[in-house]
Amino acid sequence: MSSGKVKFITPDSVAAPASNYSHGAVVPGSMRRLVIAGQVGVNPEGSLASGMAAQMERCWLNIFAILASEGMVKEDLIKVTAYVARDDATALYREIRDRMLGGHAPAATYVVVAGLASPDFLVEIEGEAVAPAD
C-alpha cells in the first residue's frame, strides 16, 4: 500500500464486529504514530464530569484535543481501548462512541473493570493514531 492511508480490515474469515469497529488496521509505509494515554472524564480546568455519559464524552473530547495538538483528527485513530467500571454501560458507550467518531470505525477493545485509578472515574479511554509523516 503506497497510498499513505490506513486500511481498516474485517476479514470474511472472522465473525463480523459486534458494533461499529474494525478488527484490524494496516498502517502503510512511513507514518507518524501517536500513542494516547488513558483519558478519564476530567475537564480542562480539573473538575470531573458528572455521570457516566458526561465522562465518556469528556474522554473523547480529551482524545480529540490531544490529536489536534499534533495536527491529527479523529479519522487518524487506528485503535481505541475503553475501560468501563460498570457492566451495564455497553450500549451507552457504543452510542456515545459512534456519535463522537461520526462513523469512523477504528480497531477497538471494550473492557469492563472492577475499578479505575479513582473510584470517581467511571470510564477511561486510550488510543493510537497515525498520520502521514511531515
Protein backbone atom coordinates (compact mmCIF):
# COMPACT_ATOMS: atom_id res chain seq x y z
CA MET A 1 0.00 0.00 0.00
CA SER A 2 1.72 3.13 -1.15
CA SER A 3 -1.25 5.48 -0.79
CA GLY A 4 -0.30 6.53 2.74
CA LYS A 5 -3.76 5.69 4.06
CA VAL A 6 -4.61 3.27 6.83
CA LYS A 7 -6.64 0.28 5.67
CA PHE A 8 -9.23 -0.95 8.18
CA ILE A 9 -9.99 -4.66 7.85
CA THR A 10 -12.57 -7.22 8.88
CA PRO A 11 -11.77 -10.44 7.01
CA ASP A 12 -14.64 -12.64 5.85
CA SER A 13 -13.00 -15.49 7.80
CA VAL A 14 -13.71 -13.71 11.12
CA ALA A 15 -17.14 -13.01 12.62
CA ALA A 16 -18.43 -9.50 11.93
CA PRO A 17 -17.79 -6.92 14.68
CA ALA A 18 -20.47 -6.65 17.36
CA SER A 19 -20.82 -2.91 16.67
CA ASN A 20 -19.14 -0.12 14.69
CA TYR A 21 -15.44 -1.03 14.80
CA SER A 22 -12.90 -2.86 12.66
CA HIS A 23 -10.96 -6.00 13.56
CA GLY A 24 -7.65 -4.58 12.39
CA ALA A 25 -5.79 -1.65 10.92
CA VAL A 26 -2.94 -1.89 8.41
CA VAL A 27 -0.53 1.05 8.62
CA PRO A 28 1.48 1.59 5.44
CA GLY A 29 4.99 2.93 4.96
CA SER A 30 6.39 5.77 6.99
CA MET A 31 3.70 7.22 9.22
CA ARG A 32 3.77 9.31 12.40
CA ARG A 33 2.38 7.37 15.38
CA LEU A 34 0.70 8.98 18.38
CA VAL A 35 0.01 6.85 21.45
CA ILE A 36 -2.65 8.45 23.66
CA ALA A 37 -2.61 7.63 27.35
CA GLY A 38 -5.84 6.63 29.02
CA GLN A 39 -8.13 9.63 29.28
CA VAL A 40 -10.65 9.98 32.07
CA GLY A 41 -13.60 12.33 32.35
CA VAL A 42 -11.65 15.27 33.76
CA ASN A 43 -12.43 18.67 32.23
CA PRO A 44 -9.58 21.04 31.20
CA GLU A 45 -9.87 23.04 34.44
CA GLY A 46 -9.58 19.87 36.54
CA SER A 47 -13.20 19.13 37.51
CA LEU A 48 -14.65 15.68 36.94
CA ALA A 49 -17.59 15.42 34.54
CA SER A 50 -20.74 14.24 36.31
CA GLY A 51 -22.07 10.79 35.43
CA MET A 52 -21.15 8.03 33.01
CA ALA A 53 -22.32 9.70 29.78
CA ALA A 54 -20.61 13.00 30.57
CA GLN A 55 -17.37 11.22 31.50
CA MET A 56 -17.45 9.22 28.26
CA GLU A 57 -17.95 12.38 26.22
CA ARG A 58 -15.15 14.16 28.07
CA CYS A 59 -12.78 11.24 27.42
CA TRP A 60 -13.43 11.60 23.68
CA LEU A 61 -13.06 15.40 23.81
CA ASN A 62 -9.71 14.97 25.58
CA ILE A 63 -8.59 12.47 22.93
CA PHE A 64 -9.64 14.87 20.15
CA ALA A 65 -7.69 17.69 21.84
CA ILE A 66 -4.56 15.53 22.02
CA LEU A 67 -4.98 14.59 18.36
CA ALA A 68 -5.40 18.25 17.39
CA SER A 69 -2.26 19.20 19.30
CA GLU A 70 -0.35 17.04 16.80
CA GLY A 71 -2.29 18.14 13.73
CA MET A 72 -4.38 14.97 13.67
CA VAL A 73 -8.12 14.33 13.51
CA LYS A 74 -10.41 11.57 14.77
CA GLU A 75 -10.13 9.74 11.45
CA ASP A 76 -6.43 9.21 12.25
CA LEU A 77 -7.36 6.96 15.21
CA ILE A 78 -6.48 3.37 14.39
CA LYS A 79 -7.11 1.72 17.81
CA VAL A 80 -9.07 2.59 20.92
CA THR A 81 -9.46 0.71 24.18
CA ALA A 82 -12.18 1.58 26.67
CA TYR A 83 -12.12 0.52 30.31
CA VAL A 84 -15.53 0.89 31.94
CA ALA A 85 -16.25 0.42 35.64
CA ARG A 86 -19.86 -0.70 35.21
CA ASP A 87 -21.13 -3.81 33.47
CA ASP A 88 -24.36 -2.15 32.28
CA ALA A 89 -22.79 0.60 30.15
CA THR A 90 -22.06 -1.20 26.87
CA ALA A 91 -24.99 0.23 24.90
CA LEU A 92 -24.35 3.74 26.25
CA TYR A 93 -20.66 3.50 25.37
CA ARG A 94 -21.41 2.34 21.81
CA GLU A 95 -23.93 5.16 21.28
CA ILE A 96 -21.52 7.83 22.52
CA ARG A 97 -18.50 6.35 20.71
CA ASP A 98 -20.41 6.16 17.44
CA ARG A 99 -21.69 9.73 17.78
CA MET A 100 -18.30 11.12 18.75
CA LEU A 101 -16.45 9.24 15.99
CA GLY A 102 -19.07 10.09 13.36
CA GLY A 103 -18.91 6.76 11.55
CA HIS A 104 -15.14 6.25 11.83
CA ALA A 105 -14.54 2.64 12.91
CA PRO A 106 -11.00 2.05 14.25
CA ALA A 107 -9.95 -1.26 15.76
CA ALA A 108 -11.43 -1.34 19.25
CA THR A 109 -11.49 -3.16 22.57
CA TYR A 110 -14.03 -2.71 25.37
CA VAL A 111 -13.21 -3.99 28.86
CA VAL A 112 -15.36 -3.98 32.00
CA VAL A 113 -13.10 -3.49 35.02
CA ALA A 114 -13.57 -3.64 38.79
CA GLY A 115 -12.26 -0.09 39.15
CA LEU A 116 -10.01 2.63 37.82
CA ALA A 117 -7.37 4.87 39.45
CA SER A 118 -10.07 6.72 41.42
CA PRO A 119 -13.46 5.33 42.45
CA ASP A 120 -14.95 8.51 40.93
CA PHE A 121 -13.65 7.60 37.45
CA LEU A 122 -16.28 5.56 35.58
CA VAL A 123 -14.50 5.21 32.23
CA GLU A 124 -11.02 5.52 30.75
CA ILE A 125 -10.28 5.50 27.02
CA GLU A 126 -6.86 5.21 25.39
CA GLY A 127 -5.95 5.29 21.75
CA GLU A 128 -3.41 5.17 18.97
CA ALA A 129 -3.38 7.33 15.86
CA VAL A 130 -1.25 7.53 12.75
CA ALA A 131 -0.90 10.19 10.08
CA PRO A 132 1.40 10.77 7.14
CA ALA A 133 4.89 11.84 8.17
CA ASP A 134 5.55 15.55 7.84
